[in-house]
């Protein structure tokens, strides 16, 4: 079998670069820096928002419900439970949030709840 013969006109059929193509490329917006992007006011409309009244207290009191002083180690235990709860909130896993919140509430009630007698 004979070797294939090269087509002498093959170079004529190759696409040539378009000298005008660079003119039609999208250009950056010269006014983009003057107008900052606007936030969509309806973006979070249908997403559940956290209840501001359903949060743990921001500052732990020095005394419990009966007026007795709370030891610093007990306050640290409550603060650690609160930190775990806040970490769970940040992660967003619903089961972890519920578990951490229950642990925090139990720790808080144990330290600040007062005597039940």
N, C-alpha and C. Protein backbone atom coordinates (compact mmCIF):
# COMPACT_ATOMS: atom_id res chain seq x y z
N UNK A 1 0.84 -1.16 0.00
CA UNK A 1 0.00 0.00 0.00
C UNK A 1 0.89 1.24 0.00
N UNK A 2 0.49 2.20 -0.74
CA UNK A 2 1.30 3.41 -0.91
C UNK A 2 1.05 4.37 0.24
N UNK A 3 2.05 5.16 0.53
CA UNK A 3 1.93 6.14 1.60
C UNK A 3 0.95 7.23 1.19
N UNK A 4 0.17 7.76 2.15
CA UNK A 4 -0.79 8.81 1.79
C UNK A 4 -0.06 10.06 1.30
N UNK A 5 -0.65 10.72 0.37
CA UNK A 5 -0.07 11.93 -0.20
C UNK A 5 -0.61 13.13 0.55
N UNK A 6 0.27 14.04 0.91
CA UNK A 6 -0.13 15.25 1.63
C UNK A 6 -0.88 16.17 0.68
N UNK A 7 -1.93 16.81 1.19
CA UNK A 7 -2.74 17.72 0.38
C UNK A 7 -2.01 19.06 0.30
N UNK A 8 -1.66 19.49 -0.90
CA UNK A 8 -0.94 20.76 -1.02
C UNK A 8 -1.80 21.97 -0.66
N UNK A 9 -3.12 21.79 -0.63
CA UNK A 9 -4.00 22.92 -0.33
C UNK A 9 -4.50 22.91 1.13
N UNK A 10 -3.98 22.02 1.97
CA UNK A 10 -4.46 21.87 3.35
C UNK A 10 -4.27 23.16 4.15
N UNK A 11 -3.20 23.90 3.91
CA UNK A 11 -2.96 25.12 4.68
C UNK A 11 -4.00 26.19 4.36
N UNK A 12 -4.63 26.12 3.20
CA UNK A 12 -5.65 27.11 2.86
C UNK A 12 -6.92 26.90 3.67
N UNK A 13 -7.16 25.69 4.13
CA UNK A 13 -8.39 25.38 4.85
C UNK A 13 -8.26 25.52 6.36
N UNK A 14 -7.09 25.83 6.85
CA UNK A 14 -6.87 26.01 8.29
C UNK A 14 -7.46 27.36 8.71
N UNK A 15 -8.12 27.40 9.86
CA UNK A 15 -8.67 28.69 10.30
C UNK A 15 -7.55 29.69 10.60
N UNK A 16 -7.71 30.87 10.16
CA UNK A 16 -6.73 31.92 10.37
C UNK A 16 -7.15 32.76 11.58
N UNK A 17 -6.18 33.28 12.31
CA UNK A 17 -6.55 34.12 13.45
C UNK A 17 -7.27 35.38 12.99
N UNK A 18 -8.29 35.74 13.73
CA UNK A 18 -9.09 36.91 13.39
C UNK A 18 -8.45 38.14 14.03
N UNK A 19 -8.03 39.07 13.23
CA UNK A 19 -7.36 40.26 13.75
C UNK A 19 -8.34 41.17 14.49
N UNK A 20 -9.63 41.01 14.27
CA UNK A 20 -10.62 41.86 14.92
C UNK A 20 -11.22 41.22 16.19
N UNK A 21 -10.83 40.01 16.50
CA UNK A 21 -11.42 39.30 17.64
C UNK A 21 -11.17 40.04 18.95
N UNK A 22 -10.02 40.66 19.09
CA UNK A 22 -9.71 41.34 20.36
C UNK A 22 -10.63 42.55 20.59
N UNK A 23 -11.18 43.11 19.55
CA UNK A 23 -12.09 44.25 19.70
C UNK A 23 -13.41 43.84 20.34
N UNK A 24 -13.80 42.60 20.17
CA UNK A 24 -15.10 42.15 20.63
C UNK A 24 -15.06 41.44 21.97
N UNK A 25 -13.90 41.43 22.62
CA UNK A 25 -13.80 40.82 23.94
C UNK A 25 -14.46 41.74 24.96
N UNK A 26 -15.12 41.17 25.99
CA UNK A 26 -15.75 42.02 27.00
C UNK A 26 -14.71 42.85 27.75
N UNK A 27 -15.01 44.09 27.92
CA UNK A 27 -14.11 45.01 28.60
C UNK A 27 -14.58 45.20 30.04
N UNK A 28 -13.65 45.48 30.96
CA UNK A 28 -14.06 45.72 32.35
C UNK A 28 -14.91 46.98 32.45
N UNK A 29 -15.84 46.97 33.39
CA UNK A 29 -16.74 48.10 33.59
C UNK A 29 -15.96 49.24 34.25
N UNK A 30 -15.83 50.39 33.58
CA UNK A 30 -15.06 51.49 34.17
C UNK A 30 -15.76 52.12 35.37
N UNK A 31 -17.05 51.86 35.56
CA UNK A 31 -17.80 52.47 36.66
C UNK A 31 -17.99 51.51 37.85
N UNK A 32 -17.44 50.32 37.75
CA UNK A 32 -17.66 49.31 38.78
C UNK A 32 -17.14 49.76 40.14
N UNK A 33 -16.03 50.46 40.19
CA UNK A 33 -15.47 50.88 41.47
C UNK A 33 -16.27 52.03 42.10
N UNK A 34 -17.03 52.75 41.31
CA UNK A 34 -17.80 53.87 41.84
C UNK A 34 -19.08 53.41 42.54
N UNK A 35 -19.60 52.28 42.14
CA UNK A 35 -20.85 51.79 42.69
C UNK A 35 -20.62 50.44 43.37
N UNK A 36 -20.58 50.40 44.70
CA UNK A 36 -20.36 49.12 45.37
C UNK A 36 -21.55 48.20 45.13
N UNK A 37 -21.33 46.88 45.19
CA UNK A 37 -22.44 45.96 44.97
C UNK A 37 -23.50 46.12 46.04
N UNK A 38 -24.74 46.09 45.63
CA UNK A 38 -25.86 46.24 46.55
C UNK A 38 -26.28 44.88 47.09
N UNK A 39 -26.64 44.84 48.37
CA UNK A 39 -27.14 43.60 48.94
C UNK A 39 -28.63 43.47 48.63
N UNK A 40 -29.02 42.26 48.38
CA UNK A 40 -30.41 41.98 48.08
C UNK A 40 -31.21 42.02 49.39
N UNK A 41 -32.17 42.95 49.53
CA UNK A 41 -32.91 43.04 50.79
C UNK A 41 -33.83 41.83 51.01
N UNK A 42 -34.09 41.06 49.98
CA UNK A 42 -34.98 39.91 50.11
C UNK A 42 -34.22 38.59 50.20
N UNK A 43 -32.89 38.63 50.27
CA UNK A 43 -32.09 37.42 50.23
C UNK A 43 -32.37 36.50 51.41
N UNK A 44 -32.52 37.02 52.61
CA UNK A 44 -32.72 36.19 53.78
C UNK A 44 -34.16 36.20 54.28
N UNK A 45 -35.07 36.63 53.46
CA UNK A 45 -36.45 36.79 53.88
C UNK A 45 -37.09 35.47 54.31
N UNK A 46 -36.80 34.40 53.61
CA UNK A 46 -37.47 33.14 53.89
C UNK A 46 -36.60 32.16 54.68
N UNK A 47 -35.43 32.59 55.08
CA UNK A 47 -34.58 31.72 55.89
C UNK A 47 -34.90 31.97 57.36
N UNK A 48 -34.94 30.90 58.15
CA UNK A 48 -35.27 31.08 59.57
C UNK A 48 -34.21 31.93 60.28
N UNK A 49 -34.66 32.86 61.06
CA UNK A 49 -33.78 33.74 61.81
C UNK A 49 -33.74 33.27 63.26
N UNK A 50 -32.58 33.38 63.92
CA UNK A 50 -32.53 32.97 65.32
C UNK A 50 -33.36 33.90 66.19
N UNK A 51 -33.98 33.31 67.18
CA UNK A 51 -34.80 34.07 68.12
C UNK A 51 -33.86 34.81 69.08
N UNK A 52 -33.89 36.14 69.11
CA UNK A 52 -32.96 36.88 69.98
C UNK A 52 -33.22 36.64 71.46
N UNK A 53 -34.42 36.19 71.83
CA UNK A 53 -34.74 35.94 73.23
C UNK A 53 -34.43 34.52 73.66
N UNK A 54 -34.04 33.69 72.70
CA UNK A 54 -33.76 32.30 72.99
C UNK A 54 -32.25 32.06 73.03
N UNK A 55 -31.52 32.99 73.60
CA UNK A 55 -30.08 32.89 73.70
C UNK A 55 -29.66 32.79 75.15
N UNK A 56 -28.52 32.19 75.41
CA UNK A 56 -28.03 32.14 76.79
C UNK A 56 -27.64 33.53 77.27
N UNK A 57 -27.60 33.75 78.58
CA UNK A 57 -27.25 35.09 79.07
C UNK A 57 -25.83 35.46 78.65
N UNK A 58 -25.63 36.73 78.32
CA UNK A 58 -24.35 37.19 77.81
C UNK A 58 -23.29 37.25 78.91
N UNK A 59 -23.68 37.68 80.09
CA UNK A 59 -22.73 37.83 81.20
C UNK A 59 -23.20 36.94 82.34
N UNK A 60 -22.28 36.13 82.86
CA UNK A 60 -22.63 35.26 83.97
C UNK A 60 -22.59 36.04 85.27
N UNK A 61 -23.62 35.92 86.09
CA UNK A 61 -23.63 36.66 87.35
C UNK A 61 -22.65 36.05 88.35
N UNK A 62 -22.28 36.87 89.34
CA UNK A 62 -21.35 36.43 90.38
C UNK A 62 -22.08 35.64 91.45
N UNK A 63 -23.37 35.92 91.64
CA UNK A 63 -24.17 35.25 92.67
C UNK A 63 -25.21 34.35 92.02
N UNK A 64 -25.63 33.31 92.76
CA UNK A 64 -26.68 32.44 92.26
C UNK A 64 -28.05 33.02 92.61
N UNK A 65 -29.11 32.26 92.35
CA UNK A 65 -30.48 32.74 92.57
C UNK A 65 -30.76 33.04 94.03
N UNK A 66 -30.06 32.37 94.95
CA UNK A 66 -30.27 32.59 96.38
C UNK A 66 -29.39 33.70 96.94
N UNK A 67 -28.55 34.29 96.09
CA UNK A 67 -27.65 35.35 96.54
C UNK A 67 -26.31 34.84 97.03
N UNK A 68 -26.08 33.54 96.93
CA UNK A 68 -24.80 32.96 97.34
C UNK A 68 -23.75 33.18 96.26
N UNK A 69 -22.53 33.38 96.68
CA UNK A 69 -21.43 33.58 95.74
C UNK A 69 -21.14 32.28 94.98
N UNK A 70 -20.85 32.41 93.68
CA UNK A 70 -20.54 31.26 92.84
C UNK A 70 -19.02 31.19 92.68
N UNK A 71 -18.46 30.01 92.87
CA UNK A 71 -17.00 29.86 92.77
C UNK A 71 -16.55 30.06 91.32
N UNK A 72 -15.31 30.45 91.19
CA UNK A 72 -14.76 30.70 89.85
C UNK A 72 -14.70 29.41 89.03
N UNK A 73 -14.45 28.27 89.68
CA UNK A 73 -14.40 27.01 88.93
C UNK A 73 -15.79 26.65 88.38
N UNK A 74 -16.85 26.92 89.17
CA UNK A 74 -18.21 26.67 88.67
C UNK A 74 -18.54 27.59 87.50
N UNK A 75 -18.12 28.86 87.60
CA UNK A 75 -18.35 29.80 86.49
C UNK A 75 -17.60 29.34 85.24
N UNK A 76 -16.38 28.82 85.42
CA UNK A 76 -15.61 28.33 84.28
C UNK A 76 -16.32 27.14 83.62
N UNK A 77 -16.90 26.27 84.45
CA UNK A 77 -17.64 25.13 83.89
C UNK A 77 -18.81 25.61 83.03
N UNK A 78 -19.52 26.62 83.52
CA UNK A 78 -20.65 27.17 82.76
C UNK A 78 -20.15 27.84 81.49
N UNK A 79 -19.03 28.56 81.60
CA UNK A 79 -18.47 29.24 80.42
C UNK A 79 -18.02 28.23 79.37
N UNK A 80 -17.44 27.11 79.81
CA UNK A 80 -17.03 26.07 78.86
C UNK A 80 -18.25 25.46 78.16
N UNK A 81 -19.31 25.22 78.94
CA UNK A 81 -20.54 24.68 78.33
C UNK A 81 -21.13 25.68 77.34
N UNK A 82 -21.06 26.96 77.69
CA UNK A 82 -21.55 28.00 76.77
C UNK A 82 -20.70 28.04 75.50
N UNK A 83 -19.38 27.94 75.64
CA UNK A 83 -18.50 27.95 74.47
C UNK A 83 -18.81 26.75 73.55
N UNK A 84 -19.06 25.59 74.15
CA UNK A 84 -19.44 24.42 73.35
C UNK A 84 -20.75 24.68 72.61
N UNK A 85 -21.69 25.32 73.30
CA UNK A 85 -22.98 25.65 72.67
C UNK A 85 -22.79 26.63 71.51
N UNK A 86 -21.97 27.65 71.72
CA UNK A 86 -21.73 28.63 70.65
C UNK A 86 -21.01 27.99 69.47
N UNK A 87 -20.09 27.06 69.74
CA UNK A 87 -19.43 26.34 68.65
C UNK A 87 -20.43 25.52 67.86
N UNK A 88 -21.35 24.87 68.56
CA UNK A 88 -22.38 24.09 67.87
C UNK A 88 -23.27 24.99 67.03
N UNK A 89 -23.58 26.19 67.55
CA UNK A 89 -24.38 27.14 66.76
C UNK A 89 -23.64 27.53 65.48
N UNK A 90 -22.33 27.75 65.60
CA UNK A 90 -21.54 28.16 64.44
C UNK A 90 -21.46 27.05 63.40
N UNK A 91 -21.39 25.79 63.87
CA UNK A 91 -21.32 24.67 62.93
C UNK A 91 -22.66 24.41 62.25
N UNK A 92 -23.75 24.63 62.97
CA UNK A 92 -25.07 24.55 62.38
C UNK A 92 -25.71 23.17 62.37
N UNK A 93 -25.09 22.15 62.96
CA UNK A 93 -25.71 20.83 63.01
C UNK A 93 -26.78 20.82 64.10
N UNK A 94 -28.02 20.61 63.70
CA UNK A 94 -29.16 20.76 64.60
C UNK A 94 -29.07 19.84 65.82
N UNK A 95 -28.68 18.59 65.63
CA UNK A 95 -28.60 17.67 66.76
C UNK A 95 -27.50 18.09 67.74
N UNK A 96 -26.36 18.58 67.21
CA UNK A 96 -25.29 19.06 68.09
C UNK A 96 -25.72 20.30 68.85
N UNK A 97 -26.48 21.16 68.20
CA UNK A 97 -26.95 22.39 68.85
C UNK A 97 -27.86 22.04 70.01
N UNK A 98 -28.80 21.13 69.77
CA UNK A 98 -29.74 20.75 70.83
C UNK A 98 -29.01 20.11 72.01
N UNK A 99 -28.07 19.22 71.71
CA UNK A 99 -27.33 18.54 72.77
C UNK A 99 -26.48 19.54 73.56
N UNK A 100 -25.78 20.43 72.87
CA UNK A 100 -24.94 21.41 73.56
C UNK A 100 -25.79 22.38 74.38
N UNK A 101 -26.95 22.75 73.85
CA UNK A 101 -27.83 23.66 74.59
C UNK A 101 -28.34 22.99 75.86
N UNK A 102 -28.74 21.72 75.77
CA UNK A 102 -29.21 21.01 76.96
C UNK A 102 -28.10 20.91 78.01
N UNK A 103 -26.87 20.61 77.56
CA UNK A 103 -25.75 20.54 78.50
C UNK A 103 -25.50 21.90 79.15
N UNK A 104 -25.58 22.94 78.36
CA UNK A 104 -25.36 24.28 78.89
C UNK A 104 -26.44 24.65 79.90
N UNK A 105 -27.70 24.38 79.55
CA UNK A 105 -28.80 24.71 80.46
C UNK A 105 -28.69 23.92 81.77
N UNK A 106 -28.33 22.63 81.66
CA UNK A 106 -28.16 21.83 82.87
C UNK A 106 -27.05 22.38 83.75
N UNK A 107 -25.93 22.74 83.13
CA UNK A 107 -24.80 23.29 83.89
C UNK A 107 -25.19 24.62 84.52
N UNK A 108 -25.89 25.44 83.78
CA UNK A 108 -26.31 26.74 84.29
C UNK A 108 -27.27 26.58 85.47
N UNK A 109 -28.25 25.69 85.32
CA UNK A 109 -29.22 25.46 86.40
C UNK A 109 -28.53 24.88 87.63
N UNK A 110 -27.56 23.99 87.40
CA UNK A 110 -26.84 23.39 88.52
C UNK A 110 -26.08 24.44 89.33
N UNK A 111 -25.47 25.39 88.63
CA UNK A 111 -24.66 26.40 89.31
C UNK A 111 -25.51 27.56 89.80
N UNK A 112 -26.41 28.06 88.98
CA UNK A 112 -27.15 29.29 89.31
C UNK A 112 -28.60 29.05 89.72
N UNK A 113 -29.08 27.82 89.63
CA UNK A 113 -30.48 27.55 89.89
C UNK A 113 -30.93 27.74 91.32
N UNK A 114 -30.04 27.65 92.27
CA UNK A 114 -30.41 27.82 93.68
C UNK A 114 -30.89 26.51 94.29
N UNK A 115 -31.18 26.55 95.57
CA UNK A 115 -31.65 25.36 96.27
C UNK A 115 -33.13 25.16 96.02
N UNK A 116 -33.57 23.92 95.98
CA UNK A 116 -34.97 23.63 95.72
C UNK A 116 -35.76 23.36 96.99
N UNK A 117 -35.13 23.58 98.19
CA UNK A 117 -35.85 23.29 99.44
C UNK A 117 -36.72 24.38 99.90
